[in-house]
Structure formats: C-alpha cells, structure tokens
Amino acid sequence: MRSGTPDNNALDNSNTSLLLAMLRFAALINRPMRDGVATKAGISPNDLMIIMALGGEGELAGHDLVDLMGMQPMNVSRALAALSDRGWIVQVTDKANRRRKPHKLTEAGWAAYRAMGPEIERVAQFLFNTLDPAERAGMASVLDKLYRQVMCWDDQAIG
C-alpha cells in the first residue's frame, strides 16, 4: 500500500484511486508544516492555518474560516481564542453586517506571520524542489480547478 498503488482494492477505479492518493497526501502535508513551522513558532497547526488564511485572505469571520479551511467549528474557535490571547488577532466590526464578527491580524500577528515566512519557504522548497517549473505551473492550475470544484460541494452534492 505504501507504493501508492493498492492491490485488490474494492475502490479501485481511476477517480477513487486518485482521491485516495490525494487524501493520503493531504493528511501527510500537515507533518512538515507542524514540525517545520508551527512547532518552531510555538503554536498549533490549526493556529498556523488560521494565521495563513488571515494573512492571505484578509478579514474573515469564524464561519468563513470553517468553510475556507475545511476545519471543524470548534477547532476554528479554539485557534481564534489562542491567537487572540497571544495578541496576534483582533475581532473587528463589519459595518455592512453587524452580526458578522470578522477577525484580522494585528501588527504583532503580521510580525509573527512574516517571521514564519522563511520556515514556510523552507517547507515549500523541500516539497516542490523535485518539480520543474512546468510541473509546478500544472500543479497550481490543477489545484485551482479542484479548489473551485470542492467549494461547490454544498451546492452540487449528491445525497
């Protein structure tokens, strides 16, 4: 099974095999991010995911983070509380919708995010150094297409 091609698998068709390989990779990608970035920064992997989302997307409410990151609401809530306790995020007012409670990085949060940059880059180099530029571009294109597709899941899911 470790070779990536399971034998005698009841779910052995090309789409399912690709999905299983992707799920296996998605589970493993957390290890270098945890060991190479989060642990060194003294935060949890969930905290890191929230920082990266807020750093990349800007102000987001808890439910936005749940949808965007595919995290459980309780894990998002705990990460937001931990980051708030550190002074790395702050809740802001959404003037267009006062019920919405977005969060954003504080100056200290931005500084922490920037400080993690070299470690994030080191993990990226480790993961992608075997890909040539065309492979990286192709991967980026495929991931973008899959991202858009998975974001439609609620609208198009088959019961």
C-alpha atoms as a PDB file:
ATOM      1  CA  MET A   1       0.000   0.000   0.000  1.00  0.00           C
ATOM      2  CA  ARG A   2       2.880   2.391   0.664  1.00  0.00           C
ATOM      3  CA  SER A   3       3.819   2.368  -3.007  1.00  0.00           C
ATOM      4  CA  GLY A   4       0.667   4.335  -3.839  1.00  0.00           C
ATOM      5  CA  THR A   5      -0.917   1.545  -5.863  1.00  0.00           C
ATOM      6  CA  PRO A   6      -3.083  -0.605  -3.636  1.00  0.00           C
ATOM      7  CA  ASP A   7      -3.612  -4.227  -4.624  1.00  0.00           C
ATOM      8  CA  ASN A   8      -7.051  -5.862  -4.569  1.00  0.00           C
ATOM      9  CA  ASN A   9      -8.732  -2.613  -3.554  1.00  0.00           C
ATOM     10  CA  ALA A  10     -12.532  -2.700  -3.706  1.00  0.00           C
ATOM     11  CA  LEU A  11     -12.432   1.016  -4.559  1.00  0.00           C
ATOM     12  CA  ASP A  12     -10.021   0.599  -7.449  1.00  0.00           C
ATOM     13  CA  ASN A  13     -11.087   2.926 -10.230  1.00  0.00           C
ATOM     14  CA  SER A  14      -9.031   5.833 -11.519  1.00  0.00           C
ATOM     15  CA  ASN A  15     -11.022   8.633  -9.815  1.00  0.00           C
ATOM     16  CA  THR A  16     -11.239   6.839  -6.483  1.00  0.00           C
ATOM     17  CA  SER A  17      -7.558   5.879  -6.543  1.00  0.00           C
ATOM     18  CA  LEU A  18      -6.654   9.496  -7.274  1.00  0.00           C
ATOM     19  CA  LEU A  19      -8.920  10.693  -4.459  1.00  0.00           C
ATOM     20  CA  LEU A  20      -7.336   8.240  -2.010  1.00  0.00           C
ATOM     21  CA  ALA A  21      -3.845   9.362  -3.054  1.00  0.00           C
ATOM     22  CA  MET A  22      -4.862  12.997  -2.571  1.00  0.00           C
ATOM     23  CA  LEU A  23      -6.352  12.283   0.865  1.00  0.00           C
ATOM     24  CA  ARG A  24      -3.191  10.442   1.874  1.00  0.00           C
ATOM     25  CA  PHE A  25      -1.073  13.398   0.729  1.00  0.00           C
ATOM     26  CA  ALA A  26      -3.376  15.931   2.418  1.00  0.00           C
ATOM     27  CA  ALA A  27      -3.003  14.067   5.702  1.00  0.00           C
ATOM     28  CA  LEU A  28       0.788  13.921   5.371  1.00  0.00           C
ATOM     29  CA  ILE A  29       1.323  17.549   4.325  1.00  0.00           C
ATOM     30  CA  ASN A  30       0.450  18.610   7.854  1.00  0.00           C
ATOM     31  CA  ARG A  31       3.588  16.929   9.237  1.00  0.00           C
ATOM     32  CA  PRO A  32       6.187  19.237   7.643  1.00  0.00           C
ATOM     33  CA  MET A  33       4.006  22.276   8.391  1.00  0.00           C
ATOM     34  CA  ARG A  34       3.626  21.177  12.020  1.00  0.00           C
ATOM     35  CA  ASP A  35       7.262  20.207  12.556  1.00  0.00           C
ATOM     36  CA  GLY A  36       8.866  22.800  10.299  1.00  0.00           C
ATOM     37  CA  VAL A  37       6.719  25.839  11.077  1.00  0.00           C
ATOM     38  CA  ALA A  38       4.060  25.576  13.810  1.00  0.00           C
ATOM     39  CA  THR A  39       6.134  23.842  16.489  1.00  0.00           C
ATOM     40  CA  LYS A  40       9.055  26.212  15.919  1.00  0.00           C
ATOM     41  CA  ALA A  41       6.674  29.172  16.334  1.00  0.00           C
ATOM     42  CA  GLY A  42       5.168  27.659  19.486  1.00  0.00           C
ATOM     43  CA  ILE A  43       1.665  27.364  18.021  1.00  0.00           C
ATOM     44  CA  SER A  44      -0.628  24.555  16.947  1.00  0.00           C
ATOM     45  CA  PRO A  45      -1.071  23.520  13.313  1.00  0.00           C
ATOM     46  CA  ASN A  46      -4.642  24.868  13.485  1.00  0.00           C
ATOM     47  CA  ASP A  47      -3.347  28.225  14.724  1.00  0.00           C
ATOM     48  CA  LEU A  48      -0.925  28.252  11.794  1.00  0.00           C
ATOM     49  CA  MET A  49      -3.692  27.524   9.300  1.00  0.00           C
ATOM     50  CA  ILE A  50      -5.757  30.418  10.676  1.00  0.00           C
ATOM     51  CA  ILE A  51      -2.798  32.827  10.576  1.00  0.00           C
ATOM     52  CA  MET A  52      -2.054  31.837   6.990  1.00  0.00           C
ATOM     53  CA  ALA A  53      -5.711  32.256   5.992  1.00  0.00           C
ATOM     54  CA  LEU A  54      -5.999  35.696   7.588  1.00  0.00           C
ATOM     55  CA  GLY A  55      -2.627  36.712   6.171  1.00  0.00           C
ATOM     56  CA  GLY A  56      -3.600  35.613   2.691  1.00  0.00           C
ATOM     57  CA  GLU A  57      -7.294  36.465   2.574  1.00  0.00           C
ATOM     58  CA  GLY A  58      -7.659  39.385   4.979  1.00  0.00           C
ATOM     59  CA  GLU A  59     -10.508  39.768   7.465  1.00  0.00           C
ATOM     60  CA  LEU A  60     -12.536  36.575   7.916  1.00  0.00           C
ATOM     61  CA  ALA A  61     -15.268  35.507  10.318  1.00  0.00           C
ATOM     62  CA  GLY A  62     -15.167  32.148  12.061  1.00  0.00           C
ATOM     63  CA  HIS A  63     -17.709  30.600   9.682  1.00  0.00           C
ATOM     64  CA  ASP A  64     -15.650  31.856   6.718  1.00  0.00           C
ATOM     65  CA  LEU A  65     -12.611  30.095   8.141  1.00  0.00           C
ATOM     66  CA  VAL A  66     -14.598  26.884   8.664  1.00  0.00           C
ATOM     67  CA  ASP A  67     -15.619  26.922   5.001  1.00  0.00           C
ATOM     68  CA  LEU A  68     -12.280  28.083   3.608  1.00  0.00           C
ATOM     69  CA  MET A  69     -10.046  25.787   5.643  1.00  0.00           C
ATOM     70  CA  GLY A  70     -12.342  22.768   5.970  1.00  0.00           C
ATOM     71  CA  MET A  71     -11.843  22.829   9.728  1.00  0.00           C
ATOM     72  CA  GLN A  72     -14.318  21.894  12.427  1.00  0.00           C
ATOM     73  CA  PRO A  73     -16.017  24.942  14.011  1.00  0.00           C
ATOM     74  CA  MET A  74     -14.670  24.070  17.479  1.00  0.00           C
ATOM     75  CA  ASN A  75     -11.096  23.901  16.141  1.00  0.00           C
ATOM     76  CA  VAL A  76     -11.514  27.290  14.479  1.00  0.00           C
ATOM     77  CA  SER A  77     -12.974  28.738  17.687  1.00  0.00           C
ATOM     78  CA  ARG A  78     -10.082  27.391  19.779  1.00  0.00           C
ATOM     79  CA  ALA A  79      -7.486  28.684  17.327  1.00  0.00           C
ATOM     80  CA  LEU A  80      -9.110  32.123  17.234  1.00  0.00           C
ATOM     81  CA  ALA A  81      -9.136  32.227  21.045  1.00  0.00           C
ATOM     82  CA  ALA A  82      -5.473  31.140  21.275  1.00  0.00           C
ATOM     83  CA  LEU A  83      -4.371  33.693  18.676  1.00  0.00           C
ATOM     84  CA  SER A  84      -6.410  36.414  20.366  1.00  0.00           C
ATOM     85  CA  ASP A  85      -4.798  35.561  23.724  1.00  0.00           C
ATOM     86  CA  ARG A  86      -1.382  35.995  22.086  1.00  0.00           C
ATOM     87  CA  GLY A  87      -2.464  39.370  20.710  1.00  0.00           C
ATOM     88  CA  TRP A  88      -1.973  38.159  17.135  1.00  0.00           C
ATOM     89  CA  ILE A  89      -5.571  38.692  16.001  1.00  0.00           C
ATOM     90  CA  VAL A  90      -8.413  41.003  16.894  1.00  0.00           C
ATOM     91  CA  GLN A  91     -12.122  40.890  16.197  1.00  0.00           C
ATOM     92  CA  VAL A  92     -13.326  43.788  14.063  1.00  0.00           C
ATOM     93  CA  THR A  93     -16.733  45.216  13.220  1.00  0.00           C
ATOM     94  CA  ASP A  94     -18.266  44.537   9.846  1.00  0.00           C
ATOM     95  CA  LYS A  95     -20.075  47.806   9.133  1.00  0.00           C
ATOM     96  CA  ALA A  96     -22.172  46.164   6.409  1.00  0.00           C
ATOM     97  CA  ASN A  97     -23.340  43.325   8.697  1.00  0.00           C
ATOM     98  CA  ARG A  98     -23.069  43.950  12.428  1.00  0.00           C
ATOM     99  CA  ARG A  99     -23.896  40.308  13.223  1.00  0.00           C
ATOM    100  CA  ARG A 100     -20.803  39.144  11.344  1.00  0.00           C
ATOM    101  CA  LYS A 101     -17.682  39.036  13.536  1.00  0.00           C
ATOM    102  CA  PRO A 102     -14.564  39.004  11.343  1.00  0.00           C
ATOM    103  CA  HIS A 103     -11.037  38.726  12.679  1.00  0.00           C
ATOM    104  CA  LYS A 104      -7.837  40.216  11.339  1.00  0.00           C
ATOM    105  CA  LEU A 105      -4.153  40.011  12.135  1.00  0.00           C
ATOM    106  CA  THR A 106      -2.793  42.657  14.493  1.00  0.00           C
ATOM    107  CA  GLU A 107       0.631  44.224  13.936  1.00  0.00           C
ATOM    108  CA  ALA A 108       2.038  41.552  16.256  1.00  0.00           C
ATOM    109  CA  GLY A 109       0.198  38.897  14.213  1.00  0.00           C
ATOM    110  CA  TRP A 110       1.635  40.249  10.974  1.00  0.00           C
ATOM    111  CA  ALA A 111       5.101  40.258  12.536  1.00  0.00           C
ATOM    112  CA  ALA A 112       4.677  36.646  13.650  1.00  0.00           C
ATOM    113  CA  TYR A 113       3.377  35.658  10.199  1.00  0.00           C
ATOM    114  CA  ARG A 114       6.326  37.368   8.489  1.00  0.00           C
ATOM    115  CA  ALA A 115       8.740  35.709  10.939  1.00  0.00           C
ATOM    116  CA  MET A 116       7.370  32.301   9.895  1.00  0.00           C
ATOM    117  CA  GLY A 117       7.967  33.128   6.225  1.00  0.00           C
ATOM    118  CA  PRO A 118      11.452  31.605   5.968  1.00  0.00           C
ATOM    119  CA  GLU A 119      10.277  28.349   7.579  1.00  0.00           C
ATOM    120  CA  ILE A 120       7.220  28.205   5.312  1.00  0.00           C
ATOM    121  CA  GLU A 121       9.522  28.775   2.331  1.00  0.00           C
ATOM    122  CA  ARG A 122      11.849  26.013   3.556  1.00  0.00           C
ATOM    123  CA  VAL A 123       8.932  23.557   3.682  1.00  0.00           C
ATOM    124  CA  ALA A 124       7.800  24.686   0.217  1.00  0.00           C
ATOM    125  CA  GLN A 125      11.312  24.212  -1.179  1.00  0.00           C
ATOM    126  CA  PHE A 126      11.515  20.751   0.358  1.00  0.00           C
ATOM    127  CA  LEU A 127       8.149  19.718  -1.078  1.00  0.00           C
ATOM    128  CA  PHE A 128       8.475  21.189  -4.556  1.00  0.00           C
ATOM    129  CA  ASN A 129      12.201  21.014  -5.322  1.00  0.00           C
ATOM    130  CA  THR A 130      11.740  17.855  -7.392  1.00  0.00           C
ATOM    131  CA  LEU A 131       9.211  19.559  -9.698  1.00  0.00           C
ATOM    132  CA  ASP A 132      10.336  21.551 -12.694  1.00  0.00           C
ATOM    133  CA  PRO A 133       8.655  24.926 -13.425  1.00  0.00           C
ATOM    134  CA  ALA A 134       6.187  23.394 -15.890  1.00  0.00           C
ATOM    135  CA  GLU A 135       5.143  20.745 -13.354  1.00  0.00           C
ATOM    136  CA  ARG A 136       4.683  23.396 -10.663  1.00  0.00           C
ATOM    137  CA  ALA A 137       2.569  25.520 -13.021  1.00  0.00           C
ATOM    138  CA  GLY A 138       0.489  22.490 -13.984  1.00  0.00           C
ATOM    139  CA  MET A 139       0.023  21.560 -10.349  1.00  0.00           C
ATOM    140  CA  ALA A 140      -1.059  25.106  -9.492  1.00  0.00           C
ATOM    141  CA  SER A 141      -3.601  25.012 -12.313  1.00  0.00           C
ATOM    142  CA  VAL A 142      -4.993  21.632 -11.249  1.00  0.00           C
ATOM    143  CA  LEU A 143      -5.188  22.646  -7.588  1.00  0.00           C
ATOM    144  CA  ASP A 144      -7.011  25.855  -8.528  1.00  0.00           C
ATOM    145  CA  LYS A 145      -9.535  23.885 -10.573  1.00  0.00           C
ATOM    146  CA  LEU A 146     -10.034  21.332  -7.781  1.00  0.00           C
ATOM    147  CA  TYR A 147     -10.391  24.125  -5.218  1.00  0.00           C
ATOM    148  CA  ARG A 148     -13.181  25.737  -7.238  1.00  0.00           C
ATOM    149  CA  GLN A 149     -14.877  22.344  -7.618  1.00  0.00           C
ATOM    150  CA  VAL A 150     -14.748  21.448  -3.938  1.00  0.00           C
ATOM    151  CA  MET A 151     -16.093  24.880  -2.987  1.00  0.00           C
ATOM    152  CA  CYS A 152     -19.231  23.958  -4.974  1.00  0.00           C
ATOM    153  CA  TRP A 153     -19.803  20.813  -2.900  1.00  0.00           C
ATOM    154  CA  ASP A 154     -22.724  22.184  -0.860  1.00  0.00           C
ATOM    155  CA  ASP A 155     -24.469  23.382  -3.998  1.00  0.00           C
ATOM    156  CA  GLN A 156     -23.972  20.253  -6.076  1.00  0.00           C
ATOM    157  CA  ALA A 157     -23.609  17.418  -3.593  1.00  0.00           C
ATOM    158  CA  ILE A 158     -25.471  14.256  -4.379  1.00  0.00           C
ATOM    159  CA  GLY A 159     -27.403  12.938  -1.376  1.00  0.00           C
END
